Protein backbone atom coordinates (compact mmCIF):
# COMPACT_ATOMS: atom_id res chain seq x y z
CA UNK A 1 -20.39 -17.67 1.30
CA UNK A 2 -18.15 -20.58 2.16
CA UNK A 3 -16.40 -20.18 5.50
CA UNK A 4 -12.72 -19.65 4.75
CA UNK A 5 -9.81 -20.94 6.75
CA UNK A 6 -7.07 -18.42 7.37
CA UNK A 7 -3.83 -20.28 7.92
CA UNK A 8 -1.02 -18.78 9.95
CA UNK A 9 0.93 -18.21 6.72
CA UNK A 10 -2.01 -16.40 5.12
CA UNK A 11 -2.55 -14.24 8.20
CA UNK A 12 1.14 -13.35 8.55
CA UNK A 13 1.38 -12.36 4.87
CA UNK A 14 -1.89 -10.40 5.11
CA UNK A 15 -0.86 -8.40 8.17
CA UNK A 16 2.72 -7.84 6.95
CA UNK A 17 1.34 -6.46 3.67
CA UNK A 18 -1.20 -4.32 5.57
CA UNK A 19 1.48 -2.83 7.83
CA UNK A 20 3.79 -2.14 4.88
CA UNK A 21 0.98 -0.46 2.94
CA UNK A 22 0.13 1.70 5.93
CA UNK A 23 3.77 2.73 6.27
CA UNK A 24 3.90 3.49 2.54
CA UNK A 25 0.82 5.70 2.87
CA UNK A 26 2.43 7.54 5.79
CA UNK A 27 5.57 8.27 3.75
CA UNK A 28 3.43 9.46 0.81
CA UNK A 29 1.30 11.63 3.09
CA UNK A 30 4.38 13.18 4.68
CA UNK A 31 5.98 13.84 1.29
CA UNK A 32 2.83 15.50 -0.02
CA UNK A 33 2.15 17.55 3.13
CA UNK A 34 4.46 18.36 6.04
CA UNK A 35 7.61 17.19 4.31
CA UNK A 36 6.69 18.73 0.95
CA UNK A 37 9.86 20.26 -0.53
CA UNK A 38 8.22 23.66 -1.02
CA UNK A 39 6.81 23.70 2.51
CA UNK A 40 10.13 22.71 4.09
CA UNK A 41 11.93 25.19 1.82
CA UNK A 42 9.65 27.98 3.07
CA UNK A 43 10.40 27.03 6.70
CA UNK A 44 14.12 27.15 5.91
CA UNK A 45 13.80 30.52 4.14
CA UNK A 46 11.81 31.97 7.04
CA UNK A 47 14.33 30.79 9.63
CA UNK A 48 17.51 31.80 7.83
CA UNK A 49 16.14 35.27 7.13
CA UNK A 50 15.99 35.81 10.93
CA UNK A 51 19.70 35.06 11.33
CA UNK A 52 20.91 37.15 8.41
CA UNK A 53 21.73 34.31 6.02
CA UNK A 54 20.32 34.06 2.54
CA UNK A 55 19.75 31.16 0.19
CA UNK A 56 18.20 31.12 -3.23
CA UNK A 57 14.91 29.30 -3.68
CA UNK A 58 16.73 26.49 -5.52
CA UNK A 59 19.27 26.15 -2.69
CA UNK A 60 16.57 25.95 -0.02
CA UNK A 61 14.64 23.36 -2.08
CA UNK A 62 17.84 21.32 -2.42
CA UNK A 63 18.28 21.53 1.37
CA UNK A 64 14.61 20.60 1.91
CA UNK A 65 15.04 17.52 -0.31
CA UNK A 66 18.13 16.51 1.68
CA UNK A 67 16.21 16.87 4.95
CA UNK A 68 13.38 14.60 3.80
CA UNK A 69 15.62 12.08 1.98
CA UNK A 70 15.99 9.67 4.95
CA UNK A 71 12.19 9.50 5.27
CA UNK A 72 11.85 8.75 1.55
CA UNK A 73 14.50 6.03 1.82
CA UNK A 74 12.03 4.22 4.10
CA UNK A 75 9.45 4.37 1.29
CA UNK A 76 11.91 2.64 -1.03
CA UNK A 77 12.94 0.01 1.55
CA UNK A 78 9.31 -0.78 2.36
CA UNK A 79 8.70 -1.06 -1.40
CA UNK A 80 11.33 -3.81 -1.57
CA UNK A 81 9.72 -5.58 1.39
CA UNK A 82 6.30 -5.33 -0.30
CA UNK A 83 7.78 -6.75 -3.50
CA UNK A 84 9.10 -9.72 -1.54
CA UNK A 85 5.81 -10.20 0.34
CA UNK A 86 3.72 -10.10 -2.84
CA UNK A 87 6.15 -12.46 -4.57
CA UNK A 88 5.63 -14.91 -1.71
CA UNK A 89 1.85 -14.28 -1.87
CA UNK A 90 1.80 -15.13 -5.58
CA UNK A 91 3.99 -18.22 -5.13
CA UNK A 92 2.02 -19.72 -2.22
CA UNK A 93 -0.91 -20.95 -4.37
CA UNK A 94 1.58 -22.97 -6.42
CA UNK A 95 2.33 -25.07 -3.33
CA UNK A 96 -1.34 -25.36 -2.39
CA UNK A 97 -1.52 -22.61 0.20
CA UNK A 98 -3.37 -19.26 0.15
CA UNK A 99 -5.27 -19.92 -3.08
CA UNK A 100 -6.87 -17.03 -4.93
CA UNK A 101 -10.65 -16.92 -5.21
CA UNK A 102 -12.04 -17.14 -8.74
CA UNK A 103 -14.73 -14.48 -9.36
CA UNK A 104 -15.99 -16.33 -12.44
CA UNK A 105 -17.40 -19.37 -10.63
CA UNK A 106 -21.06 -19.83 -11.55
CA UNK A 107 -22.33 -20.58 -8.05
CA UNK A 108 -21.07 -17.36 -6.50
CA UNK A 109 -23.43 -14.58 -5.48
CA UNK A 110 -23.10 -11.15 -7.11
CA UNK A 111 -21.54 -9.86 -3.87
CA UNK A 112 -18.91 -12.61 -3.89
CA UNK A 113 -18.14 -12.02 -7.58
CA UNK A 114 -17.67 -8.30 -6.87
CA UNK A 115 -15.52 -9.03 -3.82
CA UNK A 116 -13.25 -11.48 -5.64
CA UNK A 117 -13.04 -9.19 -8.69
CA UNK A 118 -11.90 -6.29 -6.48
CA UNK A 119 -9.08 -8.50 -5.18
CA UNK A 120 -7.96 -9.31 -8.74
CA UNK A 121 -7.97 -5.62 -9.71
CA UNK A 122 -6.10 -4.79 -6.50
CA UNK A 123 -3.43 -7.43 -7.17
CA UNK A 124 -3.02 -6.20 -10.77
CA UNK A 125 -2.62 -2.62 -9.52
CA UNK A 126 -0.08 -3.73 -6.92
CA UNK A 127 1.97 -5.51 -9.59
CA UNK A 128 1.95 -2.32 -11.69
CA UNK A 129 2.91 -0.18 -8.70
CA UNK A 130 5.74 -2.45 -7.57
CA UNK A 131 7.01 -2.83 -11.14
CA UNK A 132 7.02 0.91 -11.77
CA UNK A 133 8.71 1.49 -8.40
CA UNK A 134 11.45 -0.95 -9.36
CA UNK A 135 11.76 0.70 -12.78
CA UNK A 136 12.14 4.12 -11.13
CA UNK A 137 14.98 2.77 -8.99
CA UNK A 138 16.66 0.35 -11.41
CA UNK A 139 15.24 0.87 -14.89
CA UNK A 140 16.67 2.83 -17.77
CA UNK A 141 16.58 6.58 -17.26
CA UNK A 142 14.62 6.98 -20.50
CA UNK A 143 11.48 5.50 -18.89
CA UNK A 144 11.85 6.91 -15.37
CA UNK A 145 9.44 9.82 -15.94
CA UNK A 146 6.74 7.59 -17.44
CA UNK A 147 7.18 4.98 -14.69
CA UNK A 148 6.99 7.71 -12.05
CA UNK A 149 3.79 9.16 -13.56
CA UNK A 150 2.14 5.73 -13.41
CA UNK A 151 3.57 5.01 -9.95
CA UNK A 152 2.15 8.24 -8.51
CA UNK A 153 -1.37 7.21 -9.57
CA UNK A 154 -1.21 4.24 -7.19
CA UNK A 155 -2.26 6.46 -4.27
CA UNK A 156 -5.75 6.66 -5.77
CA UNK A 157 -6.40 2.94 -6.11
CA UNK A 158 -4.72 2.20 -2.78
CA UNK A 159 -6.96 4.55 -0.83
CA UNK A 160 -10.02 3.34 -2.77
CA UNK A 161 -9.15 -0.29 -2.08
CA UNK A 162 -8.52 0.35 1.62
CA UNK A 163 -11.91 2.02 1.96
CA UNK A 164 -13.64 -0.85 0.11
CA UNK A 165 -11.73 -3.48 2.10
CA UNK A 166 -12.32 -1.95 5.52
CA UNK A 167 -15.96 -1.19 4.67
CA UNK A 168 -16.47 -4.75 3.47
CA UNK A 169 -14.86 -6.22 6.58
CA UNK A 170 -16.98 -4.06 8.88
CA UNK A 171 -20.13 -4.92 6.91
CA UNK A 172 -19.28 -8.63 7.04
CA UNK A 173 -18.58 -8.43 10.77
CA UNK A 174 -21.91 -6.71 11.41
CA UNK A 175 -23.95 -9.04 9.18
CA UNK A 176 -23.41 -12.62 8.03
CA UNK A 177 -19.73 -13.18 8.90
CA UNK A 178 -19.48 -12.26 12.55
CA UNK A 179 -16.07 -13.05 13.95
CA UNK A 180 -14.22 -12.55 10.65
CA UNK A 181 -11.89 -9.99 12.25
CA UNK A 182 -10.98 -12.23 15.18
CA UNK A 183 -10.48 -15.11 12.75
CA UNK A 184 -8.09 -13.02 10.68
CA UNK A 185 -6.15 -12.15 13.82
CA UNK A 186 -6.13 -15.44 15.74
CA UNK A 187 -7.26 -17.99 13.18
CA UNK A 188 -10.32 -18.76 15.29
CA UNK A 189 -13.76 -17.22 14.88
CA UNK A 190 -15.07 -15.51 17.99
CA UNK A 191 -18.74 -14.60 17.67
CA UNK A 192 -20.98 -12.71 19.99
CA UNK A 193 -24.41 -14.31 20.48
């Protein structure tokens, strides 16, 4: 595999996207688990029963949604940041920076073709996720449910991609591309001999 140069622009975009995706996963995890509307509603119901107040299930779910709303606002704001970062990422090759690798080059190994193909699939999935997120927020109400159904599926490819990416980086670091992690952080390859 050809040794790649990771410019400061490439590294900044890469790490900004990585941090945003991690924050998105945290908001999704919280929404599906600890901040789940039914879970929070049950906590509310349990507490208010001890002080002699009563709420209907619908009222406590409405209150639970209000409690978690500020956390979910972060999901939306980070989505806008990701949209901007990916827009920049897709525009950079037009000015000669951060070019995409073509998986259909004849001289590539099977491993390189797989690796570059995974990136293409990942970018396509990201475009779908960001587009559906924008449609949920700004699109016509008639397509909100469909957009949301598609958007929710993004958790599956995102986790799959992260596992493949981290596994590939670790494998590369331990085999033929020692120093790839340090190069992605500092721009310089540090190898242990």
